[in-house]
All heavy atoms as atom14 arrays in JSON, in Angstrom:
{
  "sequence": "EPMLKFSYNLIDDFNLQFSSGYNINFKGKMKVDGEKTDYVSNWSGLRL",
  "atom14_mask": [
    [1, 1, 1, 1, 1, 1, 1, 1, 1, 0, 0, 0, 0, 0],
    [1, 1, 1, 1, 1, 1, 1, 0, 0, 0, 0, 0, 0, 0],
    [1, 1, 1, 1, 1, 1, 1, 1, 0, 0, 0, 0, 0, 0],
    [1, 1, 1, 1, 1, 1, 1, 1, 0, 0, 0, 0, 0, 0],
    [1, 1, 1, 1, 1, 1, 1, 1, 1, 0, 0, 0, 0, 0],
    [1, 1, 1, 1, 1, 1, 1, 1, 1, 1, 1, 0, 0, 0],
    [1, 1, 1, 1, 1, 1, 0, 0, 0, 0, 0, 0, 0, 0],
    [1, 1, 1, 1, 1, 1, 1, 1, 1, 1, 1, 1, 0, 0],
    [1, 1, 1, 1, 1, 1, 1, 1, 0, 0, 0, 0, 0, 0],
    [1, 1, 1, 1, 1, 1, 1, 1, 0, 0, 0, 0, 0, 0],
    [1, 1, 1, 1, 1, 1, 1, 1, 0, 0, 0, 0, 0, 0],
    [1, 1, 1, 1, 1, 1, 1, 1, 0, 0, 0, 0, 0, 0],
    [1, 1, 1, 1, 1, 1, 1, 1, 0, 0, 0, 0, 0, 0],
    [1, 1, 1, 1, 1, 1, 1, 1, 1, 1, 1, 0, 0, 0],
    [1, 1, 1, 1, 1, 1, 1, 1, 0, 0, 0, 0, 0, 0],
    [1, 1, 1, 1, 1, 1, 1, 1, 0, 0, 0, 0, 0, 0],
    [1, 1, 1, 1, 1, 1, 1, 1, 1, 0, 0, 0, 0, 0],
    [1, 1, 1, 1, 1, 1, 1, 1, 1, 1, 1, 0, 0, 0],
    [1, 1, 1, 1, 1, 1, 0, 0, 0, 0, 0, 0, 0, 0],
    [1, 1, 1, 1, 1, 1, 0, 0, 0, 0, 0, 0, 0, 0],
    [1, 1, 1, 1, 0, 0, 0, 0, 0, 0, 0, 0, 0, 0],
    [1, 1, 1, 1, 1, 1, 1, 1, 1, 1, 1, 1, 0, 0],
    [1, 1, 1, 1, 1, 1, 1, 1, 0, 0, 0, 0, 0, 0],
    [1, 1, 1, 1, 1, 1, 1, 1, 0, 0, 0, 0, 0, 0],
    [1, 1, 1, 1, 1, 1, 1, 1, 0, 0, 0, 0, 0, 0],
    [1, 1, 1, 1, 1, 1, 1, 1, 1, 1, 1, 0, 0, 0],
    [1, 1, 1, 1, 1, 1, 1, 1, 1, 0, 0, 0, 0, 0],
    [1, 1, 1, 1, 0, 0, 0, 0, 0, 0, 0, 0, 0, 0],
    [1, 1, 1, 1, 1, 1, 1, 1, 1, 0, 0, 0, 0, 0],
    [1, 1, 1, 1, 1, 1, 1, 1, 0, 0, 0, 0, 0, 0],
    [1, 1, 1, 1, 1, 1, 1, 1, 1, 0, 0, 0, 0, 0],
    [1, 1, 1, 1, 1, 1, 1, 0, 0, 0, 0, 0, 0, 0],
    [1, 1, 1, 1, 1, 1, 1, 1, 0, 0, 0, 0, 0, 0],
    [1, 1, 1, 1, 0, 0, 0, 0, 0, 0, 0, 0, 0, 0],
    [1, 1, 1, 1, 1, 1, 1, 1, 1, 0, 0, 0, 0, 0],
    [1, 1, 1, 1, 1, 1, 1, 1, 1, 0, 0, 0, 0, 0],
    [1, 1, 1, 1, 1, 1, 1, 0, 0, 0, 0, 0, 0, 0],
    [1, 1, 1, 1, 1, 1, 1, 1, 0, 0, 0, 0, 0, 0],
    [1, 1, 1, 1, 1, 1, 1, 1, 1, 1, 1, 1, 0, 0],
    [1, 1, 1, 1, 1, 1, 1, 0, 0, 0, 0, 0, 0, 0],
    [1, 1, 1, 1, 1, 1, 0, 0, 0, 0, 0, 0, 0, 0],
    [1, 1, 1, 1, 1, 1, 1, 1, 0, 0, 0, 0, 0, 0],
    [1, 1, 1, 1, 1, 1, 1, 1, 1, 1, 1, 1, 1, 1],
    [1, 1, 1, 1, 1, 1, 0, 0, 0, 0, 0, 0, 0, 0],
    [1, 1, 1, 1, 0, 0, 0, 0, 0, 0, 0, 0, 0, 0],
    [1, 1, 1, 1, 1, 1, 1, 1, 0, 0, 0, 0, 0, 0],
    [1, 1, 1, 1, 1, 1, 1, 1, 1, 1, 1, 0, 0, 0],
    [1, 1, 1, 1, 1, 1, 1, 1, 0, 0, 0, 0, 0, 0]
  ],
  "atom14_positions": [
    [[-86.19, -164.28, -89.87], [-85.62, -164.86, -91.04], [-84.22, -165.41, -90.79], [-83.28, -164.62, -90.8], [-85.57, -163.78, -92.18], [-85.11, -164.34, -93.5], [-85.1, -163.17, -94.53], [-86.25, -162.97, -95.03], [-84.04, -162.63, -94.89], [0.0, 0.0, 0.0], [0.0, 0.0, 0.0], [0.0, 0.0, 0.0], [0.0, 0.0, 0.0], [0.0, 0.0, 0.0]],
    [[-84.06, -166.71, -90.45], [-82.77, -167.25, -90.34], [-82.19, -167.52, -91.71], [-82.94, -167.86, -92.67], [-83.02, -168.64, -89.62], [-84.5, -168.95, -90.0], [-85.18, -167.6, -90.15], [0.0, 0.0, 0.0], [0.0, 0.0, 0.0], [0.0, 0.0, 0.0], [0.0, 0.0, 0.0], [0.0, 0.0, 0.0], [0.0, 0.0, 0.0], [0.0, 0.0, 0.0]],
    [[-80.81, -167.29, -91.85], [-80.27, -167.31, -93.17], [-78.79, -167.82, -93.12], [-78.11, -167.59, -92.16], [-80.28, -165.97, -93.81], [-79.89, -165.8, -95.21], [-80.31, -164.24, -96.0], [-82.04, -164.48, -96.41], [0.0, 0.0, 0.0], [0.0, 0.0, 0.0], [0.0, 0.0, 0.0], [0.0, 0.0, 0.0], [0.0, 0.0, 0.0], [0.0, 0.0, 0.0]],
    [[-78.4, -168.55, -94.2], [-77.01, -168.89, -94.32], [-76.42, -168.14, -95.48], [-77.03, -167.87, -96.53], [-76.97, -170.4, -94.78], [-77.56, -171.4, -93.83], [-77.38, -172.77, -94.32], [-76.89, -171.29, -92.43], [0.0, 0.0, 0.0], [0.0, 0.0, 0.0], [0.0, 0.0, 0.0], [0.0, 0.0, 0.0], [0.0, 0.0, 0.0], [0.0, 0.0, 0.0]],
    [[-75.18, -167.56, -95.2], [-74.59, -166.71, -96.22], [-73.13, -167.1, -96.53], [-72.37, -167.55, -95.71], [-74.49, -165.21, -95.67], [-73.84, -164.22, -96.53], [-73.78, -162.82, -95.82], [-75.14, -162.36, -95.65], [-75.14, -160.9, -95.08], [0.0, 0.0, 0.0], [0.0, 0.0, 0.0], [0.0, 0.0, 0.0], [0.0, 0.0, 0.0], [0.0, 0.0, 0.0]],
    [[-72.83, -167.08, -97.87], [-71.51, -167.42, -98.41], [-70.96, -166.16, -98.93], [-71.48, -165.49, -99.8], [-71.63, -168.58, -99.37], [-72.11, -169.85, -98.92], [-73.48, -169.97, -98.98], [-71.33, -170.77, -98.41], [-74.01, -171.19, -98.6], [-71.82, -171.96, -97.88], [-73.22, -172.12, -97.97], [0.0, 0.0, 0.0], [0.0, 0.0, 0.0], [0.0, 0.0, 0.0]],
    [[-69.72, -165.81, -98.58], [-69.13, -164.6, -98.88], [-67.75, -164.8, -99.54], [-67.03, -165.74, -99.07], [-68.9, -163.57, -97.71], [-68.23, -162.39, -98.09], [0.0, 0.0, 0.0], [0.0, 0.0, 0.0], [0.0, 0.0, 0.0], [0.0, 0.0, 0.0], [0.0, 0.0, 0.0], [0.0, 0.0, 0.0], [0.0, 0.0, 0.0], [0.0, 0.0, 0.0]],
    [[-67.44, -164.03, -100.63], [-66.1, -164.11, -101.31], [-65.53, -162.76, -101.39], [-66.18, -161.88, -101.93], [-66.37, -164.75, -102.7], [-65.02, -164.78, -103.45], [-64.11, -165.82, -103.19], [-64.85, -163.92, -104.46], [-62.91, -165.88, -103.96], [-63.62, -163.99, -105.25], [-62.65, -164.92, -104.99], [-61.55, -165.0, -105.64], [0.0, 0.0, 0.0], [0.0, 0.0, 0.0]],
    [[-64.32, -162.6, -101.03], [-63.68, -161.37, -101.01], [-63.12, -161.05, -102.44], [-62.28, -161.73, -102.94], [-62.48, -161.3, -100.04], [-61.69, -159.95, -100.08], [-60.56, -159.91, -100.36], [-62.4, -158.9, -99.69], [0.0, 0.0, 0.0], [0.0, 0.0, 0.0], [0.0, 0.0, 0.0], [0.0, 0.0, 0.0], [0.0, 0.0, 0.0], [0.0, 0.0, 0.0]],
    [[-63.75, -160.0, -103.11], [-63.27, -159.66, -104.49], [-62.07, -158.94, -104.48], [-61.08, -159.38, -105.25], [-64.46, -158.89, -105.16], [-65.76, -159.54, -105.43], [-66.84, -158.56, -105.94], [-65.59, -160.67, -106.45], [0.0, 0.0, 0.0], [0.0, 0.0, 0.0], [0.0, 0.0, 0.0], [0.0, 0.0, 0.0], [0.0, 0.0, 0.0], [0.0, 0.0, 0.0]],
    [[-61.96, -157.79, -103.82], [-60.74, -156.94, -103.78], [-60.86, -156.12, -102.54], [-61.89, -155.6, -102.22], [-60.62, -156.18, -105.1], [-59.31, -155.39, -105.08], [-61.78, -155.24, -105.27], [-58.97, -154.68, -106.37], [0.0, 0.0, 0.0], [0.0, 0.0, 0.0], [0.0, 0.0, 0.0], [0.0, 0.0, 0.0], [0.0, 0.0, 0.0], [0.0, 0.0, 0.0]],
    [[-59.78, -156.02, -101.86], [-59.72, -155.1, -100.66], [-60.87, -155.39, -99.78], [-61.03, -156.46, -99.29], [-59.61, -153.61, -101.06], [-58.36, -153.35, -101.86], [-57.41, -153.92, -101.63], [-58.43, -152.45, -102.7], [0.0, 0.0, 0.0], [0.0, 0.0, 0.0], [0.0, 0.0, 0.0], [0.0, 0.0, 0.0], [0.0, 0.0, 0.0], [0.0, 0.0, 0.0]],
    [[-61.77, -154.45, -99.58], [-62.84, -154.49, -98.54], [-64.21, -154.8, -99.3], [-65.28, -154.68, -98.65], [-62.97, -153.25, -97.72], [-61.68, -153.1, -96.89], [-61.22, -154.06, -96.21], [-61.14, -151.97, -96.89], [0.0, 0.0, 0.0], [0.0, 0.0, 0.0], [0.0, 0.0, 0.0], [0.0, 0.0, 0.0], [0.0, 0.0, 0.0], [0.0, 0.0, 0.0]],
    [[-64.17, -155.18, -100.52], [-65.38, -155.53, -101.26], [-65.59, -156.98, -101.27], [-64.65, -157.76, -101.57], [-65.32, -155.09, -102.74], [-65.68, -153.63, -102.97], [-64.74, -152.68, -103.18], [-67.07, -153.23, -103.07], [-65.04, -151.27, -103.4], [-67.36, -151.94, -103.15], [-66.35, -150.94, -103.4], [0.0, 0.0, 0.0], [0.0, 0.0, 0.0], [0.0, 0.0, 0.0]],
    [[-66.84, -157.42, -101.03], [-67.17, -158.77, -100.9], [-68.39, -159.06, -101.84], [-69.29, -158.32, -101.92], [-67.5, -159.27, -99.6], [-66.27, -159.32, -98.73], [-65.4, -160.16, -98.84], [-66.11, -158.2, -97.91], [0.0, 0.0, 0.0], [0.0, 0.0, 0.0], [0.0, 0.0, 0.0], [0.0, 0.0, 0.0], [0.0, 0.0, 0.0], [0.0, 0.0, 0.0]],
    [[-68.45, -160.25, -102.54], [-69.62, -160.77, -103.16], [-70.21, -161.82, -102.32], [-69.5, -162.63, -101.76], [-69.21, -161.4, -104.55], [-70.26, -162.01, -105.33], [-71.32, -160.94, -105.79], [-69.74, -162.77, -106.51], [0.0, 0.0, 0.0], [0.0, 0.0, 0.0], [0.0, 0.0, 0.0], [0.0, 0.0, 0.0], [0.0, 0.0, 0.0], [0.0, 0.0, 0.0]],
    [[-71.64, -161.85, -102.14], [-72.21, -162.74, -101.19], [-73.47, -163.35, -101.78], [-74.21, -162.65, -102.5], [-72.49, -162.02, -99.9], [-73.35, -160.77, -99.97], [-73.22, -159.93, -98.78], [-72.2, -159.89, -98.04], [-74.23, -159.05, -98.48], [0.0, 0.0, 0.0], [0.0, 0.0, 0.0], [0.0, 0.0, 0.0], [0.0, 0.0, 0.0], [0.0, 0.0, 0.0]],
    [[-73.77, -164.62, -101.3], [-74.94, -165.23, -101.7], [-75.58, -165.78, -100.46], [-74.89, -166.34, -99.52], [-74.7, -166.42, -102.7], [-75.91, -167.39, -102.9], [-76.92, -166.93, -103.71], [-75.99, -168.58, -102.26], [-78.02, -167.68, -103.85], [-77.11, -169.33, -102.38], [-78.16, -168.92, -103.2], [0.0, 0.0, 0.0], [0.0, 0.0, 0.0], [0.0, 0.0, 0.0]],
    [[-76.92, -165.62, -100.32], [-77.56, -165.93, -99.08], [-78.78, -166.78, -99.36], [-79.52, -166.55, -100.43], [-77.99, -164.69, -98.31], [-76.88, -163.83, -98.11], [0.0, 0.0, 0.0], [0.0, 0.0, 0.0], [0.0, 0.0, 0.0], [0.0, 0.0, 0.0], [0.0, 0.0, 0.0], [0.0, 0.0, 0.0], [0.0, 0.0, 0.0], [0.0, 0.0, 0.0]],
    [[-79.17, -167.68, -98.54], [-80.39, -168.42, -98.63], [-80.99, -168.6, -97.26], [-80.34, -168.91, -96.24], [-80.01, -169.84, -99.21], [-81.2, -170.66, -99.25], [0.0, 0.0, 0.0], [0.0, 0.0, 0.0], [0.0, 0.0, 0.0], [0.0, 0.0, 0.0], [0.0, 0.0, 0.0], [0.0, 0.0, 0.0], [0.0, 0.0, 0.0], [0.0, 0.0, 0.0]],
    [[-82.23, -168.48, -97.17], [-82.93, -168.42, -95.81], [-84.45, -168.66, -96.01], [-84.92, -168.81, -97.08], [0.0, 0.0, 0.0], [0.0, 0.0, 0.0], [0.0, 0.0, 0.0], [0.0, 0.0, 0.0], [0.0, 0.0, 0.0], [0.0, 0.0, 0.0], [0.0, 0.0, 0.0], [0.0, 0.0, 0.0], [0.0, 0.0, 0.0], [0.0, 0.0, 0.0]],
    [[-85.18, -168.53, -94.89], [-86.6, -168.68, -94.91], [-87.26, -167.61, -94.07], [-86.84, -167.48, -92.88], [-87.0, -170.01, -94.33], [-88.46, -170.43, -94.7], [-88.73, -171.07, -95.91], [-89.5, -170.11, -93.86], [-90.05, -171.39, -96.24], [-90.83, -170.37, -94.23], [-91.02, -171.05, -95.42], [-92.36, -171.37, -95.72], [0.0, 0.0, 0.0], [0.0, 0.0, 0.0]],
    [[-88.12, -166.94, -94.59], [-88.88, -165.82, -93.98], [-90.14, -166.38, -93.33], [-90.96, -166.98, -94.03], [-89.2, -164.71, -94.83], [-89.81, -163.48, -94.24], [-90.93, -163.51, -93.77], [-89.06, -162.37, -94.24], [0.0, 0.0, 0.0], [0.0, 0.0, 0.0], [0.0, 0.0, 0.0], [0.0, 0.0, 0.0], [0.0, 0.0, 0.0], [0.0, 0.0, 0.0]],
    [[-90.35, -166.12, -92.01], [-91.52, -166.53, -91.25], [-92.25, -165.32, -90.76], [-91.71, -164.56, -90.02], [-91.17, -167.45, -90.05], [-90.32, -168.64, -90.55], [-92.41, -167.96, -89.39], [-89.68, -169.48, -89.36], [0.0, 0.0, 0.0], [0.0, 0.0, 0.0], [0.0, 0.0, 0.0], [0.0, 0.0, 0.0], [0.0, 0.0, 0.0], [0.0, 0.0, 0.0]],
    [[-93.58, -165.16, -91.19], [-94.34, -164.0, -90.82], [-95.37, -164.38, -89.72], [-95.86, -165.51, -89.67], [-95.14, -163.47, -91.94], [-94.55, -162.45, -92.83], [-95.09, -161.63, -93.39], [-93.09, -162.44, -92.8], [0.0, 0.0, 0.0], [0.0, 0.0, 0.0], [0.0, 0.0, 0.0], [0.0, 0.0, 0.0], [0.0, 0.0, 0.0], [0.0, 0.0, 0.0]],
    [[-95.55, -163.43, -88.8], [-96.56, -163.6, -87.75], [-97.52, -162.39, -87.89], [-97.13, -161.27, -88.17], [-95.92, -163.64, -86.37], [-94.82, -164.67, -86.2], [-93.51, -164.39, -86.37], [-95.21, -165.97, -85.92], [-92.52, -165.31, -86.23], [-94.23, -166.97, -85.69], [-92.87, -166.67, -85.95], [0.0, 0.0, 0.0], [0.0, 0.0, 0.0], [0.0, 0.0, 0.0]],
    [[-98.74, -162.65, -87.37], [-99.77, -161.67, -87.36], [-100.03, -161.09, -88.7], [-100.13, -161.81, -89.75], [-99.42, -160.6, -86.31], [-99.37, -161.13, -84.87], [-99.11, -160.07, -83.86], [-99.08, -160.73, -82.45], [-98.82, -159.59, -81.49], [0.0, 0.0, 0.0], [0.0, 0.0, 0.0], [0.0, 0.0, 0.0], [0.0, 0.0, 0.0], [0.0, 0.0, 0.0]],
    [[-100.23, -159.76, -88.79], [-100.33, -159.16, -90.11], [-101.78, -159.13, -90.64], [-101.97, -159.06, -91.83], [0.0, 0.0, 0.0], [0.0, 0.0, 0.0], [0.0, 0.0, 0.0], [0.0, 0.0, 0.0], [0.0, 0.0, 0.0], [0.0, 0.0, 0.0], [0.0, 0.0, 0.0], [0.0, 0.0, 0.0], [0.0, 0.0, 0.0], [0.0, 0.0, 0.0]],
    [[-102.81, -159.14, -89.74], [-104.17, -159.01, -90.19], [-104.43, -157.72, -90.81], [-104.03, -156.69, -90.34], [-105.22, -159.26, -89.11], [-105.43, -160.63, -88.73], [-106.74, -160.96, -88.09], [-107.14, -162.36, -88.01], [-108.53, -162.6, -87.56], [0.0, 0.0, 0.0], [0.0, 0.0, 0.0], [0.0, 0.0, 0.0], [0.0, 0.0, 0.0], [0.0, 0.0, 0.0]],
    [[-105.08, -157.75, -91.96], [-105.36, -156.49, -92.76], [-106.54, -155.74, -92.24], [-107.5, -156.3, -91.79], [-105.42, -156.87, -94.23], [-104.25, -157.69, -94.8], [-104.18, -157.68, -96.55], [-103.3, -156.17, -96.85], [0.0, 0.0, 0.0], [0.0, 0.0, 0.0], [0.0, 0.0, 0.0], [0.0, 0.0, 0.0], [0.0, 0.0, 0.0], [0.0, 0.0, 0.0]],
    [[-106.48, -154.46, -92.35], [-107.56, -153.55, -91.85], [-108.06, -152.6, -93.05], [-107.22, -152.24, -93.89], [-107.1, -152.65, -90.76], [-106.65, -153.32, -89.49], [-106.21, -152.42, -88.46], [-105.74, -153.09, -87.19], [-105.24, -152.11, -86.14], [0.0, 0.0, 0.0], [0.0, 0.0, 0.0], [0.0, 0.0, 0.0], [0.0, 0.0, 0.0], [0.0, 0.0, 0.0]],
    [[-109.32, -152.31, -93.05], [-110.01, -151.3, -94.0], [-110.53, -150.25, -93.08], [-111.41, -150.49, -92.29], [-111.04, -152.03, -94.83], [-111.54, -150.95, -95.74], [-110.45, -153.1, -95.64], [0.0, 0.0, 0.0], [0.0, 0.0, 0.0], [0.0, 0.0, 0.0], [0.0, 0.0, 0.0], [0.0, 0.0, 0.0], [0.0, 0.0, 0.0], [0.0, 0.0, 0.0]],
    [[-110.03, -149.02, -93.27], [-110.52, -147.87, -92.52], [-110.43, -148.21, -90.93], [-111.31, -147.82, -90.25], [-111.92, -147.48, -92.88], [-112.02, -147.03, -94.32], [-111.03, -146.41, -94.73], [-112.99, -147.23, -94.97], [0.0, 0.0, 0.0], [0.0, 0.0, 0.0], [0.0, 0.0, 0.0], [0.0, 0.0, 0.0], [0.0, 0.0, 0.0], [0.0, 0.0, 0.0]],
    [[-109.32, -148.94, -90.52], [-109.24, -149.25, -89.2], [-109.88, -150.45, -88.64], [-109.73, -150.88, -87.48], [0.0, 0.0, 0.0], [0.0, 0.0, 0.0], [0.0, 0.0, 0.0], [0.0, 0.0, 0.0], [0.0, 0.0, 0.0], [0.0, 0.0, 0.0], [0.0, 0.0, 0.0], [0.0, 0.0, 0.0], [0.0, 0.0, 0.0], [0.0, 0.0, 0.0]],
    [[-110.77, -151.05, -89.4], [-111.58, -152.21, -89.07], [-110.79, -153.56, -89.56], [-110.45, -153.58, -90.76], [-112.95, -152.15, -89.67], [-113.78, -150.99, -89.19], [-114.07, -151.09, -87.64], [-114.26, -152.36, -87.24], [-114.26, -150.08, -87.0], [0.0, 0.0, 0.0], [0.0, 0.0, 0.0], [0.0, 0.0, 0.0], [0.0, 0.0, 0.0], [0.0, 0.0, 0.0]],
    [[-110.64, -154.41, -88.66], [-109.9, -155.75, -89.04], [-110.72, -156.51, -89.94], [-111.96, -156.58, -89.83], [-109.52, -156.48, -87.77], [-108.3, -155.97, -87.03], [-108.02, -156.89, -85.88], [-106.77, -156.32, -85.19], [-106.33, -157.33, -84.07], [0.0, 0.0, 0.0], [0.0, 0.0, 0.0], [0.0, 0.0, 0.0], [0.0, 0.0, 0.0], [0.0, 0.0, 0.0]],
    [[-110.03, -157.19, -90.87], [-110.67, -158.24, -91.69], [-110.15, -159.65, -91.3], [-109.34, -159.74, -90.39], [-110.32, -158.05, -93.18], [-108.98, -158.24, -93.45], [-110.62, -156.59, -93.51], [0.0, 0.0, 0.0], [0.0, 0.0, 0.0], [0.0, 0.0, 0.0], [0.0, 0.0, 0.0], [0.0, 0.0, 0.0], [0.0, 0.0, 0.0], [0.0, 0.0, 0.0]],
    [[-110.59, -160.62, -92.07], [-110.1, -162.05, -91.74], [-108.88, -162.3, -92.62], [-108.41, -163.48, -92.52], [-111.17, -163.02, -92.05], [-112.36, -162.92, -91.02], [-112.05, -162.5, -89.89], [-113.49, -163.21, -91.42], [0.0, 0.0, 0.0], [0.0, 0.0, 0.0], [0.0, 0.0, 0.0], [0.0, 0.0, 0.0], [0.0, 0.0, 0.0], [0.0, 0.0, 0.0]],
    [[-108.4, -161.36, -93.39], [-107.3, -161.61, -94.35], [-105.99, -161.28, -93.73], [-105.84, -160.14, -93.08], [-107.49, -160.89, -95.65], [-108.82, -161.38, -96.4], [-109.97, -160.63, -96.34], [-108.79, -162.52, -97.05], [-111.12, -161.06, -96.97], [-109.95, -162.98, -97.72], [-111.05, -162.27, -97.57], [-112.25, -162.72, -98.25], [0.0, 0.0, 0.0], [0.0, 0.0, 0.0]],
    [[-104.98, -162.06, -93.95], [-103.65, -161.84, -93.43], [-102.66, -161.68, -94.6], [-102.63, -162.42, -95.56], [-103.11, -163.0, -92.6], [-101.69, -162.8, -92.1], [-104.11, -163.12, -91.36], [0.0, 0.0, 0.0], [0.0, 0.0, 0.0], [0.0, 0.0, 0.0], [0.0, 0.0, 0.0], [0.0, 0.0, 0.0], [0.0, 0.0, 0.0], [0.0, 0.0, 0.0]],
    [[-101.78, -160.65, -94.48], [-100.72, -160.49, -95.58], [-99.51, -161.29, -95.08], [-98.69, -160.76, -94.32], [-100.37, -159.04, -95.71], [-100.05, -158.48, -94.42], [0.0, 0.0, 0.0], [0.0, 0.0, 0.0], [0.0, 0.0, 0.0], [0.0, 0.0, 0.0], [0.0, 0.0, 0.0], [0.0, 0.0, 0.0], [0.0, 0.0, 0.0], [0.0, 0.0, 0.0]],
    [[-99.37, -162.53, -95.54], [-98.4, -163.38, -95.09], [-97.22, -163.64, -96.22], [-97.45, -164.27, -97.13], [-98.94, -164.81, -94.8], [-98.02, -165.79, -94.11], [-96.87, -165.51, -94.07], [-98.5, -167.0, -93.85], [0.0, 0.0, 0.0], [0.0, 0.0, 0.0], [0.0, 0.0, 0.0], [0.0, 0.0, 0.0], [0.0, 0.0, 0.0], [0.0, 0.0, 0.0]],
    [[-96.15, -162.99, -95.9], [-95.05, -162.99, -96.87], [-94.12, -164.14, -96.64], [-92.93, -164.18, -97.26], [-94.23, -161.66, -96.76], [-94.98, -160.43, -97.13], [-95.64, -159.51, -96.2], [-95.08, -159.87, -98.46], [-96.1, -158.54, -97.04], [-95.89, -158.66, -98.31], [-94.67, -160.28, -99.7], [-96.14, -157.96, -99.43], [-95.01, -159.48, -100.9], [-95.77, -158.26, -100.68]],
    [[-94.45, -165.12, -95.82], [-93.64, -166.18, -95.51], [-93.14, -167.01, -96.78], [-93.92, -167.04, -97.71], [-94.25, -167.19, -94.5], [-94.52, -166.63, -93.31], [0.0, 0.0, 0.0], [0.0, 0.0, 0.0], [0.0, 0.0, 0.0], [0.0, 0.0, 0.0], [0.0, 0.0, 0.0], [0.0, 0.0, 0.0], [0.0, 0.0, 0.0], [0.0, 0.0, 0.0]],
    [[-91.88, -167.47, -96.66], [-91.41, -168.24, -97.8], [-89.9, -168.2, -97.92], [-89.17, -167.48, -97.19], [0.0, 0.0, 0.0], [0.0, 0.0, 0.0], [0.0, 0.0, 0.0], [0.0, 0.0, 0.0], [0.0, 0.0, 0.0], [0.0, 0.0, 0.0], [0.0, 0.0, 0.0], [0.0, 0.0, 0.0], [0.0, 0.0, 0.0], [0.0, 0.0, 0.0]],
    [[-89.35, -168.96, -98.94], [-87.92, -169.13, -99.19], [-87.43, -167.8, -99.68], [-88.02, -167.11, -100.48], [-87.69, -170.24, -100.21], [-86.26, -170.49, -100.62], [-85.43, -171.05, -99.41], [-86.2, -171.45, -101.8], [0.0, 0.0, 0.0], [0.0, 0.0, 0.0], [0.0, 0.0, 0.0], [0.0, 0.0, 0.0], [0.0, 0.0, 0.0], [0.0, 0.0, 0.0]],
    [[-86.19, -167.38, -99.33], [-85.56, -166.21, -99.82], [-84.14, -166.61, -100.34], [-83.38, -167.33, -99.7], [-85.36, -165.2, -98.73], [-86.63, -164.67, -98.11], [-87.43, -163.83, -99.1], [-88.55, -163.26, -98.46], [-89.84, -163.7, -98.4], [-89.97, -164.9, -98.91], [-90.8, -163.11, -97.71], [0.0, 0.0, 0.0], [0.0, 0.0, 0.0], [0.0, 0.0, 0.0]],
    [[-83.84, -166.13, -101.58], [-82.48, -166.24, -102.17], [-82.01, -164.82, -102.44], [-82.72, -164.06, -103.03], [-82.61, -167.11, -103.46], [-83.27, -168.52, -103.29], [-83.35, -169.11, -104.71], [-82.26, -169.42, -102.39], [0.0, 0.0, 0.0], [0.0, 0.0, 0.0], [0.0, 0.0, 0.0], [0.0, 0.0, 0.0], [0.0, 0.0, 0.0], [0.0, 0.0, 0.0]]
  ]
}
């Protein structure tokens, strides 16, 4: 997940931050009782 982050110092060591990026999933084939299926749990997508 590569991401760009914008941070603003509120007070002392506290910061408010906004991030935007993209999550890329690999593999993740689902299993039932240890047996592989053809289905993949792919969480890929934009993240805010």
